[in-house]
Amino acid sequence: MNRFFLLFLIVLFSSCDKSDLKPDLITMQVADHYQDCTGVGPMKCLLVKIDGAPNWTYHYAGIEGFAYEEGFEYKLTVKREKIKNPPADGSSIRYTLVNVIEKIKP
């Protein structure tokens, strides 16, 4: 009987996707300018800080519902969720604007 219980636990835990990113809300700070970067090819990326991170990082994917205006810094609330079957050349994470907390001209 213990073997069946052990087998059940192994099957149960092996079927869980540990890389699954549940939808969550994050705070994102967006810089006032685009930065040259390279994705599939040369492109312009937003510079962002997520949840108060100290350093700027490239943001290759767009933010659904967000109309970026260069020359302004933004503080946003964004929903981040995993895409189940992303395109081969696209991001596996979707970002959707929830709220513009702040828009300032530096």
PDB file of N, CA and C in Angstrom:
ATOM      1  N   MET A   1       0.824  -1.196   0.000  1.00  0.00           N
ATOM      2  CA  MET A   1       0.000   0.000   0.000  1.00  0.00           C
ATOM      3  C   MET A   1       0.865   1.255   0.000  1.00  0.00           C
ATOM      4  N   ASN A   2       1.986   1.243   0.710  1.00  0.00           N
ATOM      5  CA  ASN A   2       2.869   2.400   0.748  1.00  0.00           C
ATOM      6  C   ASN A   2       3.461   2.709  -0.619  1.00  0.00           C
ATOM      7  N   ARG A   3       3.674   1.686  -1.446  1.00  0.00           N
ATOM      8  CA  ARG A   3       4.209   1.903  -2.787  1.00  0.00           C
ATOM      9  C   ARG A   3       3.213   2.679  -3.644  1.00  0.00           C
ATOM     10  N   PHE A   4       1.944   2.340  -3.515  1.00  0.00           N
ATOM     11  CA  PHE A   4       0.922   3.047  -4.287  1.00  0.00           C
ATOM     12  C   PHE A   4       0.822   4.506  -3.849  1.00  0.00           C
ATOM     13  N   PHE A   5       0.912   4.739  -2.567  1.00  0.00           N
ATOM     14  CA  PHE A   5       0.858   6.111  -2.058  1.00  0.00           C
ATOM     15  C   PHE A   5       2.076   6.895  -2.540  1.00  0.00           C
ATOM     16  N   LEU A   6       3.248   6.292  -2.514  1.00  0.00           N
ATOM     17  CA  LEU A   6       4.466   6.933  -2.985  1.00  0.00           C
ATOM     18  C   LEU A   6       4.370   7.229  -4.483  1.00  0.00           C
ATOM     19  N   LEU A   7       3.883   6.274  -5.245  1.00  0.00           N
ATOM     20  CA  LEU A   7       3.692   6.469  -6.680  1.00  0.00           C
ATOM     21  C   LEU A   7       2.705   7.607  -6.948  1.00  0.00           C
ATOM     22  N   PHE A   8       1.616   7.647  -6.176  1.00  0.00           N
ATOM     23  CA  PHE A   8       0.634   8.721  -6.310  1.00  0.00           C
ATOM     24  C   PHE A   8       1.286  10.080  -6.066  1.00  0.00           C
ATOM     25  N   LEU A   9       2.105  10.203  -5.024  1.00  0.00           N
ATOM     26  CA  LEU A   9       2.772  11.466  -4.724  1.00  0.00           C
ATOM     27  C   LEU A   9       3.747  11.875  -5.822  1.00  0.00           C
ATOM     28  N   ILE A  10       4.477  10.908  -6.344  1.00  0.00           N
ATOM     29  CA  ILE A  10       5.427  11.207  -7.421  1.00  0.00           C
ATOM     30  C   ILE A  10       4.689  11.725  -8.649  1.00  0.00           C
ATOM     31  N   VAL A  11       3.608  11.076  -9.028  1.00  0.00           N
ATOM     32  CA  VAL A  11       2.828  11.524 -10.182  1.00  0.00           C
ATOM     33  C   VAL A  11       2.214  12.889  -9.916  1.00  0.00           C
ATOM     34  N   LEU A  12       1.705  13.097  -8.734  1.00  0.00           N
ATOM     35  CA  LEU A  12       1.074  14.363  -8.386  1.00  0.00           C
ATOM     36  C   LEU A  12       2.061  15.516  -8.477  1.00  0.00           C
ATOM     37  N   PHE A  13       3.228  15.379  -7.878  1.00  0.00           N
ATOM     38  CA  PHE A  13       4.193  16.474  -7.854  1.00  0.00           C
ATOM     39  C   PHE A  13       4.928  16.640  -9.175  1.00  0.00           C
ATOM     40  N   SER A  14       5.093  15.581  -9.940  1.00  0.00           N
ATOM     41  CA  SER A  14       5.765  15.725 -11.225  1.00  0.00           C
ATOM     42  C   SER A  14       4.867  16.390 -12.258  1.00  0.00           C
ATOM     43  N   SER A  15       3.557  16.380 -12.037  1.00  0.00           N
ATOM     44  CA  SER A  15       2.647  17.015 -12.987  1.00  0.00           C
ATOM     45  C   SER A  15       2.501  18.502 -12.728  1.00  0.00           C
ATOM     46  N   CYS A  16       3.024  19.000 -11.620  1.00  0.00           N
ATOM     47  CA  CYS A  16       2.948  20.422 -11.312  1.00  0.00           C
ATOM     48  C   CYS A  16       4.014  21.161 -12.114  1.00  0.00           C
ATOM     49  N   ASP A  17       3.650  22.243 -12.743  1.00  0.00           N
ATOM     50  CA  ASP A  17       4.592  23.061 -13.493  1.00  0.00           C
ATOM     51  C   ASP A  17       5.173  24.109 -12.552  1.00  0.00           C
ATOM     52  N   LYS A  18       6.406  23.873 -12.098  1.00  0.00           N
ATOM     53  CA  LYS A  18       7.019  24.769 -11.126  1.00  0.00           C
ATOM     54  C   LYS A  18       7.457  26.084 -11.749  1.00  0.00           C
ATOM     55  N   SER A  19       7.563  26.118 -13.094  1.00  0.00           N
ATOM     56  CA  SER A  19       7.960  27.350 -13.759  1.00  0.00           C
ATOM     57  C   SER A  19       6.757  28.237 -14.050  1.00  0.00           C
ATOM     58  N   ASP A  20       5.581  27.805 -13.647  1.00  0.00           N
ATOM     59  CA  ASP A  20       4.359  28.545 -13.925  1.00  0.00           C
ATOM     60  C   ASP A  20       4.350  29.850 -13.136  1.00  0.00           C
ATOM     61  N   LEU A  21       4.259  30.961 -13.859  1.00  0.00           N
ATOM     62  CA  LEU A  21       4.192  32.264 -13.223  1.00  0.00           C
ATOM     63  C   LEU A  21       2.735  32.656 -13.129  1.00  0.00           C
ATOM     64  N   LYS A  22       2.214  32.716 -11.905  1.00  0.00           N
ATOM     65  CA  LYS A  22       0.817  33.095 -11.708  1.00  0.00           C
ATOM     66  C   LYS A  22       0.682  34.589 -11.947  1.00  0.00           C
ATOM     67  N   PRO A  23      -0.466  35.024 -12.457  1.00  0.00           N
ATOM     68  CA  PRO A  23      -0.644  36.462 -12.660  1.00  0.00           C
ATOM     69  C   PRO A  23      -0.428  37.210 -11.345  1.00  0.00           C
ATOM     70  N   ASP A  24       0.334  38.279 -11.430  1.00  0.00           N
ATOM     71  CA  ASP A  24       0.537  39.098 -10.251  1.00  0.00           C
ATOM     72  C   ASP A  24       0.651  40.550 -10.672  1.00  0.00           C
ATOM     73  N   LEU A  25       0.497  41.432  -9.711  1.00  0.00           N
ATOM     74  CA  LEU A  25       0.622  42.857  -9.964  1.00  0.00           C
ATOM     75  C   LEU A  25       2.006  43.307  -9.535  1.00  0.00           C
ATOM     76  N   ILE A  26       2.640  44.091 -10.391  1.00  0.00           N
ATOM     77  CA  ILE A  26       3.962  44.622 -10.095  1.00  0.00           C
ATOM     78  C   ILE A  26       3.936  46.140 -10.272  1.00  0.00           C
ATOM     79  N   THR A  27       4.884  46.803  -9.648  1.00  0.00           N
ATOM     80  CA  THR A  27       5.079  48.233  -9.859  1.00  0.00           C
ATOM     81  C   THR A  27       6.263  48.376 -10.799  1.00  0.00           C
ATOM     82  N   MET A  28       6.073  49.140 -11.864  1.00  0.00           N
ATOM     83  CA  MET A  28       7.109  49.301 -12.872  1.00  0.00           C
ATOM     84  C   MET A  28       7.388  50.784 -13.075  1.00  0.00           C
ATOM     85  N   GLN A  29       8.650  51.148 -12.972  1.00  0.00           N
ATOM     86  CA  GLN A  29       9.069  52.507 -13.269  1.00  0.00           C
ATOM     87  C   GLN A  29       9.651  52.483 -14.683  1.00  0.00           C
ATOM     88  N   VAL A  30       9.239  53.436 -15.531  1.00  0.00           N
ATOM     89  CA  VAL A  30       9.678  53.493 -16.924  1.00  0.00           C
ATOM     90  C   VAL A  30      10.463  54.779 -17.138  1.00  0.00           C
ATOM     91  N   ALA A  31      11.647  54.651 -17.743  1.00  0.00           N
ATOM     92  CA  ALA A  31      12.505  55.814 -17.993  1.00  0.00           C
ATOM     93  C   ALA A  31      11.899  56.726 -19.052  1.00  0.00           C
ATOM     94  N   ASP A  32      12.463  57.915 -19.180  1.00  0.00           N
ATOM     95  CA  ASP A  32      11.926  58.930 -20.083  1.00  0.00           C
ATOM     96  C   ASP A  32      12.406  58.797 -21.530  1.00  0.00           C
ATOM     97  N   HIS A  33      13.166  57.761 -21.839  1.00  0.00           N
ATOM     98  CA  HIS A  33      13.671  57.588 -23.207  1.00  0.00           C
ATOM     99  C   HIS A  33      13.815  56.106 -23.552  1.00  0.00           C
ATOM    100  N   TYR A  34      13.810  55.838 -24.854  1.00  0.00           N
ATOM    101  CA  TYR A  34      14.094  54.485 -25.345  1.00  0.00           C
ATOM    102  C   TYR A  34      15.605  54.281 -25.345  1.00  0.00           C
ATOM    103  N   GLN A  35      15.996  52.998 -25.364  1.00  0.00           N
ATOM    104  CA  GLN A  35      17.411  52.652 -25.426  1.00  0.00           C
ATOM    105  C   GLN A  35      17.608  51.655 -26.566  1.00  0.00           C
ATOM    106  N   ASP A  36      18.675  51.819 -27.348  1.00  0.00           N
ATOM    107  CA  ASP A  36      18.983  50.834 -28.376  1.00  0.00           C
ATOM    108  C   ASP A  36      19.276  49.495 -27.713  1.00  0.00           C
ATOM    109  N   CYS A  37      18.724  48.427 -28.271  1.00  0.00           N
ATOM    110  CA  CYS A  37      18.950  47.079 -27.739  1.00  0.00           C
ATOM    111  C   CYS A  37      18.830  46.094 -28.905  1.00  0.00           C
ATOM    112  N   THR A  38      19.116  44.844 -28.636  1.00  0.00           N
ATOM    113  CA  THR A  38      19.031  43.819 -29.666  1.00  0.00           C
ATOM    114  C   THR A  38      18.174  42.683 -29.173  1.00  0.00           C
ATOM    115  N   GLY A  39      17.086  42.407 -29.891  1.00  0.00           N
ATOM    116  CA  GLY A  39      16.214  41.267 -29.606  1.00  0.00           C
ATOM    117  C   GLY A  39      16.403  40.290 -30.753  1.00  0.00           C
ATOM    118  N   VAL A  40      15.375  40.105 -31.563  1.00  0.00           N
ATOM    119  CA  VAL A  40      15.496  39.310 -32.787  1.00  0.00           C
ATOM    120  C   VAL A  40      16.425  40.048 -33.746  1.00  0.00           C
ATOM    121  N   GLY A  41      16.425  41.365 -33.654  1.00  0.00           N
ATOM    122  CA  GLY A  41      17.291  42.247 -34.430  1.00  0.00           C
ATOM    123  C   GLY A  41      17.449  43.537 -33.650  1.00  0.00           C
ATOM    124  N   PRO A  42      18.120  44.527 -34.225  1.00  0.00           N
ATOM    125  CA  PRO A  42      18.235  45.812 -33.535  1.00  0.00           C
ATOM    126  C   PRO A  42      16.852  46.434 -33.322  1.00  0.00           C
ATOM    127  N   MET A  43      16.645  47.016 -32.163  1.00  0.00           N
ATOM    128  CA  MET A  43      15.354  47.619 -31.839  1.00  0.00           C
ATOM    129  C   MET A  43      15.533  48.657 -30.740  1.00  0.00           C
ATOM    130  N   LYS A  44      14.452  49.299 -30.369  1.00  0.00           N
ATOM    131  CA  LYS A  44      14.439  50.247 -29.250  1.00  0.00           C
ATOM    132  C   LYS A  44      13.667  49.601 -28.104  1.00  0.00           C
ATOM    133  N   CYS A  45      14.236  49.648 -26.912  1.00  0.00           N
ATOM    134  CA  CYS A  45      13.600  49.055 -25.732  1.00  0.00           C
ATOM    135  C   CYS A  45      13.281  50.135 -24.713  1.00  0.00           C
ATOM    136  N   LEU A  46      12.250  49.885 -23.918  1.00  0.00           N
ATOM    137  CA  LEU A  46      12.009  50.719 -22.751  1.00  0.00           C
ATOM    138  C   LEU A  46      13.021  50.333 -21.679  1.00  0.00           C
ATOM    139  N   LEU A  47      13.402  51.281 -20.855  1.00  0.00           N
ATOM    140  CA  LEU A  47      14.212  51.001 -19.678  1.00  0.00           C
ATOM    141  C   LEU A  47      13.273  50.992 -18.491  1.00  0.00           C
ATOM    142  N   VAL A  48      13.308  49.915 -17.695  1.00  0.00           N
ATOM    143  CA  VAL A  48      12.375  49.777 -16.587  1.00  0.00           C
ATOM    144  C   VAL A  48      13.080  49.321 -15.316  1.00  0.00           C
ATOM    145  N   LYS A  49      12.443  49.631 -14.203  1.00  0.00           N
ATOM    146  CA  LYS A  49      12.802  49.079 -12.890  1.00  0.00           C
ATOM    147  C   LYS A  49      11.529  48.449 -12.361  1.00  0.00           C
ATOM    148  N   ILE A  50      11.615  47.191 -11.950  1.00  0.00           N
ATOM    149  CA  ILE A  50      10.444  46.472 -11.464  1.00  0.00           C
ATOM    150  C   ILE A  50      10.518  46.327  -9.955  1.00  0.00           C
ATOM    151  N   ASP A  51       9.409  46.698  -9.292  1.00  0.00           N
ATOM    152  CA  ASP A  51       9.279  46.589  -7.833  1.00  0.00           C
ATOM    153  C   ASP A  51      10.462  47.186  -7.087  1.00  0.00           C
ATOM    154  N   GLY A  52      10.877  48.382  -7.515  1.00  0.00           N
ATOM    155  CA  GLY A  52      11.907  49.117  -6.791  1.00  0.00           C
ATOM    156  C   GLY A  52      13.325  48.628  -6.997  1.00  0.00           C
ATOM    157  N   ALA A  53      13.579  47.851  -8.049  1.00  0.00           N
ATOM    158  CA  ALA A  53      14.940  47.379  -8.320  1.00  0.00           C
ATOM    159  C   ALA A  53      15.876  48.582  -8.477  1.00  0.00           C
ATOM    160  N   PRO A  54      17.149  48.442  -8.101  1.00  0.00           N
ATOM    161  CA  PRO A  54      18.069  49.590  -8.151  1.00  0.00           C
ATOM    162  C   PRO A  54      18.560  49.938  -9.557  1.00  0.00           C
ATOM    163  N   ASN A  55      18.573  48.973 -10.475  1.00  0.00           N
ATOM    164  CA  ASN A  55      19.146  49.196 -11.805  1.00  0.00           C
ATOM    165  C   ASN A  55      18.093  49.121 -12.905  1.00  0.00           C
ATOM    166  N   TRP A  56      18.309  49.903 -13.963  1.00  0.00           N
ATOM    167  CA  TRP A  56      17.452  49.863 -15.129  1.00  0.00           C
ATOM    168  C   TRP A  56      17.740  48.594 -15.926  1.00  0.00           C
ATOM    169  N   THR A  57      16.692  47.984 -16.476  1.00  0.00           N
ATOM    170  CA  THR A  57      16.840  46.825 -17.349  1.00  0.00           C
ATOM    171  C   THR A  57      16.051  47.061 -18.622  1.00  0.00           C
ATOM    172  N   TYR A  58      16.431  46.375 -19.695  1.00  0.00           N
ATOM    173  CA  TYR A  58      15.707  46.477 -20.957  1.00  0.00           C
ATOM    174  C   TYR A  58      14.366  45.766 -20.838  1.00  0.00           C
ATOM    175  N   HIS A  59      13.345  46.376 -21.413  1.00  0.00           N
ATOM    176  CA  HIS A  59      12.026  45.737 -21.485  1.00  0.00           C
ATOM    177  C   HIS A  59      11.714  45.558 -22.968  1.00  0.00           C
ATOM    178  N   TYR A  60      11.846  44.313 -23.437  1.00  0.00           N
ATOM    179  CA  TYR A  60      11.699  44.005 -24.863  1.00  0.00           C
ATOM    180  C   TYR A  60      10.230  43.917 -25.285  1.00  0.00           C
ATOM    181  N   ALA A  61       9.387  43.418 -24.400  1.00  0.00           N
ATOM    182  CA  ALA A  61       7.968  43.230 -24.722  1.00  0.00           C
ATOM    183  C   ALA A  61       7.212  44.529 -24.480  1.00  0.00           C
ATOM    184  N   GLY A  62       6.103  44.685 -25.154  1.00  0.00           N
ATOM    185  CA  GLY A  62       5.270  45.859 -24.921  1.00  0.00           C
ATOM    186  C   GLY A  62       4.448  45.704 -23.651  1.00  0.00           C
ATOM    187  N   ILE A  63       3.714  46.747 -23.328  1.00  0.00           N
ATOM    188  CA  ILE A  63       2.794  46.733 -22.189  1.00  0.00           C
ATOM    189  C   ILE A  63       1.419  47.048 -22.763  1.00  0.00           C
ATOM    190  N   GLU A  64       0.543  46.048 -22.792  1.00  0.00           N
ATOM    191  CA  GLU A  64      -0.784  46.230 -23.378  1.00  0.00           C
ATOM    192  C   GLU A  64      -1.537  47.353 -22.675  1.00  0.00           C
ATOM    193  N   GLY A  65      -2.114  48.249 -23.464  1.00  0.00           N
ATOM    194  CA  GLY A  65      -2.903  49.342 -22.917  1.00  0.00           C
ATOM    195  C   GLY A  65      -2.095  50.556 -22.491  1.00  0.00           C
ATOM    196  N   PHE A  66      -0.764  50.513 -22.656  1.00  0.00           N
ATOM    197  CA  PHE A  66       0.100  51.611 -22.234  1.00  0.00           C
ATOM    198  C   PHE A  66       0.562  52.397 -23.448  1.00  0.00           C
ATOM    199  N   ALA A  67       0.254  53.683 -23.479  1.00  0.00           N
ATOM    200  CA  ALA A  67       0.679  54.571 -24.561  1.00  0.00           C
ATOM    201  C   ALA A  67       1.873  55.384 -24.070  1.00  0.00           C
ATOM    202  N   TYR A  68       3.065  54.885 -24.342  1.00  0.00           N
ATOM    203  CA  TYR A  68       4.292  55.527 -23.882  1.00  0.00           C
ATOM    204  C   TYR A  68       4.532  56.815 -24.650  1.00  0.00           C
ATOM    205  N   GLU A  69       4.906  57.858 -23.931  1.00  0.00           N
ATOM    206  CA  GLU A  69       5.255  59.137 -24.532  1.00  0.00           C
ATOM    207  C   GLU A  69       6.672  59.472 -24.092  1.00  0.00           C
ATOM    208  N   GLU A  70       7.601  59.449 -25.054  1.00  0.00           N
ATOM    209  CA  GLU A  70       8.993  59.713 -24.721  1.00  0.00           C
ATOM    210  C   GLU A  70       9.127  61.113 -24.129  1.00  0.00           C
ATOM    211  N   GLY A  71      10.016  61.264 -23.139  1.00  0.00           N
ATOM    212  CA  GLY A  71      10.209  62.535 -22.462  1.00  0.00           C
ATOM    213  C   GLY A  71       9.531  62.580 -21.101  1.00  0.00           C
ATOM    214  N   PHE A  72       8.784  61.537 -20.765  1.00  0.00           N
ATOM    215  CA  PHE A  72       8.123  61.440 -19.470  1.00  0.00           C
ATOM    216  C   PHE A  72       8.562  60.169 -18.758  1.00  0.00           C
ATOM    217  N   GLU A  73       8.729  60.248 -17.447  1.00  0.00           N
ATOM    218  CA  GLU A  73       8.960  59.058 -16.627  1.00  0.00           C
ATOM    219  C   GLU A  73       7.618  58.625 -16.068  1.00  0.00           C
ATOM    220  N   TYR A  74       7.437  57.334 -15.946  1.00  0.00           N
ATOM    221  CA  TYR A  74       6.172  56.777 -15.479  1.00  0.00           C
ATOM    222  C   TYR A  74       6.399  55.846 -14.300  1.00  0.00           C
ATOM    223  N   LYS A  75       5.408  55.787 -13.458  1.00  0.00           N
ATOM    224  CA  LYS A  75       5.322  54.749 -12.432  1.00  0.00           C
ATOM    225  C   LYS A  75       3.978  54.076 -12.683  1.00  0.00           C
ATOM    226  N   LEU A  76       4.010  52.760 -12.920  1.00  0.00           N
ATOM    227  CA  LEU A  76       2.825  52.018 -13.335  1.00  0.00           C
ATOM    228  C   LEU A  76       2.537  50.850 -12.412  1.00  0.00           C
ATOM    229  N   THR A  77       1.277  50.467 -12.371  1.00  0.00           N
ATOM    230  CA  THR A  77       0.897  49.164 -11.836  1.00  0.00           C
ATOM    231  C   THR A  77       0.599  48.309 -13.066  1.00  0.00           C
ATOM    232  N   VAL A  78       1.256  47.160 -13.143  1.00  0.00           N
ATOM    233  CA  VAL A  78       1.166  46.301 -14.313  1.00  0.00           C
ATOM    234  C   VAL A  78       0.845  44.874 -13.877  1.00  0.00           C
ATOM    235  N   LYS A  79      -0.035  44.216 -14.643  1.00  0.00           N
ATOM    236  CA  LYS A  79      -0.294  42.798 -14.396  1.00  0.00           C
ATOM    237  C   LYS A  79       0.674  41.999 -15.254  1.00  0.00           C
ATOM    238  N   ARG A  80       1.370  41.052 -14.624  1.00  0.00           N
ATOM    239  CA  ARG A  80       2.333  40.190 -15.311  1.00  0.00           C
ATOM    240  C   ARG A  80       1.802  38.763 -15.266  1.00  0.00           C
ATOM    241  N   GLU A  81       1.712  38.127 -16.439  1.00  0.00           N
ATOM    242  CA  GLU A  81       1.220  36.747 -16.474  1.00  0.00           C
ATOM    243  C   GLU A  81       1.934  35.945 -17.553  1.00  0.00           C
ATOM    244  N   LYS A  82       2.058  34.669 -17.301  1.00  0.00           N
ATOM    245  CA  LYS A  82       2.726  33.755 -18.231  1.00  0.00           C
ATOM    246  C   LYS A  82       1.799  33.442 -19.395  1.00  0.00           C
ATOM    247  N   ILE A  83       2.353  33.401 -20.607  1.00  0.00           N
ATOM    248  CA  ILE A  83       1.624  33.006 -21.813  1.00  0.00           C
ATOM    249  C   ILE A  83       1.847  31.515 -22.009  1.00  0.00           C
ATOM    250  N   LYS A  84       0.767  30.762 -22.134  1.00  0.00           N
ATOM    251  CA  LYS A  84       0.892  29.302 -22.221  1.00  0.00           C
ATOM    252  C   LYS A  84       1.635  28.836 -23.472  1.00  0.00           C
ATOM    253  N   ASN A  85       1.307  29.353 -24.642  1.00  0.00           N
ATOM    254  CA  ASN A  85       1.957  28.953 -25.895  1.00  0.00           C
ATOM    255  C   ASN A  85       2.465  30.187 -26.629  1.00  0.00           C
ATOM    256  N   PRO A  86       3.585  30.755 -26.171  1.00  0.00           N
ATOM    257  CA  PRO A  86       4.067  31.988 -26.798  1.00  0.00           C
ATOM    258  C   PRO A  86       4.627  31.719 -28.191  1.00  0.00           C
ATOM    259  N   PRO A  87       4.625  32.732 -29.054  1.00  0.00           N
ATOM    260  CA  PRO A  87       5.252  32.571 -30.361  1.00  0.00           C
ATOM    261  C   PRO A  87       6.756  32.355 -30.184  1.00  0.00           C
ATOM    262  N   ALA A  88       7.375  31.699 -31.146  1.00  0.00           N
ATOM    263  CA  ALA A  88       8.795  31.359 -31.046  1.00  0.00           C
ATOM    264  C   ALA A  88       9.677  32.594 -30.888  1.00  0.00           C
ATOM    265  N   ASP A  89       9.296  33.692 -31.495  1.00  0.00           N
ATOM    266  CA  ASP A  89      10.114  34.893 -31.424  1.00  0.00           C
ATOM    267  C   ASP A  89       9.550  35.938 -30.458  1.00  0.00           C
ATOM    268  N   GLY A  90       8.625  35.525 -29.588  1.00  0.00           N
ATOM    269  CA  GLY A  90       7.983  36.468 -28.678  1.00  0.00           C
ATOM    270  C   GLY A  90       8.256  36.143 -27.220  1.00  0.00           C
ATOM    271  N   SER A  91       7.790  37.029 -26.377  1.00  0.00           N
ATOM    272  CA  SER A  91       7.964  36.865 -24.939  1.00  0.00           C
ATOM    273  C   SER A  91       7.020  35.793 -24.402  1.00  0.00           C
ATOM    274  N   SER A  92       7.431  35.133 -23.345  1.00  0.00           N
ATOM    275  CA  SER A  92       6.571  34.144 -22.687  1.00  0.00           C
ATOM    276  C   SER A  92       5.774  34.794 -21.556  1.00  0.00           C
ATOM    277  N   ILE A  93       5.944  36.116 -21.396  1.00  0.00           N
ATOM    278  CA  ILE A  93       5.243  36.852 -20.347  1.00  0.00           C
ATOM    279  C   ILE A  93       4.478  38.012 -20.965  1.00  0.00           C
ATOM    280  N   ARG A  94       3.228  38.189 -20.547  1.00  0.00           N
ATOM    281  CA  ARG A  94       2.396  39.302 -21.011  1.00  0.00           C
ATOM    282  C   ARG A  94       2.322  40.344 -19.904  1.00  0.00           C
ATOM    283  N   TYR A  95       2.493  41.597 -20.297  1.00  0.00           N
ATOM    284  CA  TYR A  95       2.381  42.721 -19.378  1.00  0.00           C
ATOM    285  C   TYR A  95       1.175  43.556 -19.801  1.00  0.00           C
ATOM    286  N   THR A  96       0.284  43.851 -18.859  1.00  0.00           N
ATOM    287  CA  THR A  96      -0.919  44.623 -19.140  1.00  0.00           C
ATOM    288  C   THR A  96      -1.023  45.763 -18.135  1.00  0.00           C
ATOM    289  N   LEU A  97      -1.236  46.974 -18.644  1.00  0.00           N
ATOM    290  CA  LEU A  97      -1.365  48.142 -17.784  1.00  0.00           C
ATOM    291  C   LEU A  97      -2.618  48.034 -16.932  1.00  0.00           C
ATOM    292  N   VAL A  98      -2.459  48.271 -15.641  1.00  0.00           N
ATOM    293  CA  VAL A  98      -3.587  48.330 -14.715  1.00  0.00           C
ATOM    294  C   VAL A  98      -3.868  49.786 -14.356  1.00  0.00           C
ATOM    295  N   ASN A  99      -2.785  50.550 -14.076  1.00  0.00           N
ATOM    296  CA  ASN A  99      -2.963  51.912 -13.604  1.00  0.00           C
ATOM    297  C   ASN A  99      -1.686  52.719 -13.829  1.00  0.00           C
ATOM    298  N   VAL A 100      -1.831  53.980 -14.260  1.00  0.00           N
ATOM    299  CA  VAL A 100      -0.705  54.903 -14.304  1.00  0.00           C
ATOM    300  C   VAL A 100      -0.711  55.638 -12.964  1.00  0.00           C
ATOM    301  N   ILE A 101       0.279  55.358 -12.138  1.00  0.00           N
ATOM    302  CA  ILE A 101       0.369  55.976 -10.816  1.00  0.00           C
ATOM    303  C   ILE A 101       0.909  57.396 -10.945  1.00  0.00           C
ATOM    304  N   GLU A 102       1.904  57.548 -11.822  1.00  0.00           N
ATOM    305  CA  GLU A 102       2.566  58.843 -11.928  1.00  0.00           C
ATOM    306  C   GLU A 102       3.135  59.022 -13.333  1.00  0.00           C
ATOM    307  N   LYS A 103       3.041  60.226 -13.871  1.00  0.00           N
ATOM    308  CA  LYS A 103       3.637  60.605 -15.130  1.00  0.00           C
ATOM    309  C   LYS A 103       4.267  61.969 -14.915  1.00  0.00           C
ATOM    310  N   ILE A 104       5.612  62.030 -14.989  1.00  0.00           N
ATOM    311  CA  ILE A 104       6.299  63.295 -14.707  1.00  0.00           C
ATOM    312  C   ILE A 104       7.294  63.625 -15.808  1.00  0.00           C
ATOM    313  N   LYS A 105       7.543  64.892 -15.992  1.00  0.00           N
ATOM    314  CA  LYS A 105       8.560  65.373 -16.916  1.00  0.00           C
ATOM    315  C   LYS A 105       9.799  65.666 -16.075  1.00  0.00           C
ATOM    316  N   PRO A 106      10.878  64.894 -16.266  1.00  0.00           N
ATOM    317  CA  PRO A 106      12.083  65.083 -15.437  1.00  0.00           C
ATOM    318  C   PRO A 106      12.805  66.387 -15.749  1.00  0.00           C
TER     319      PRO A 106
END
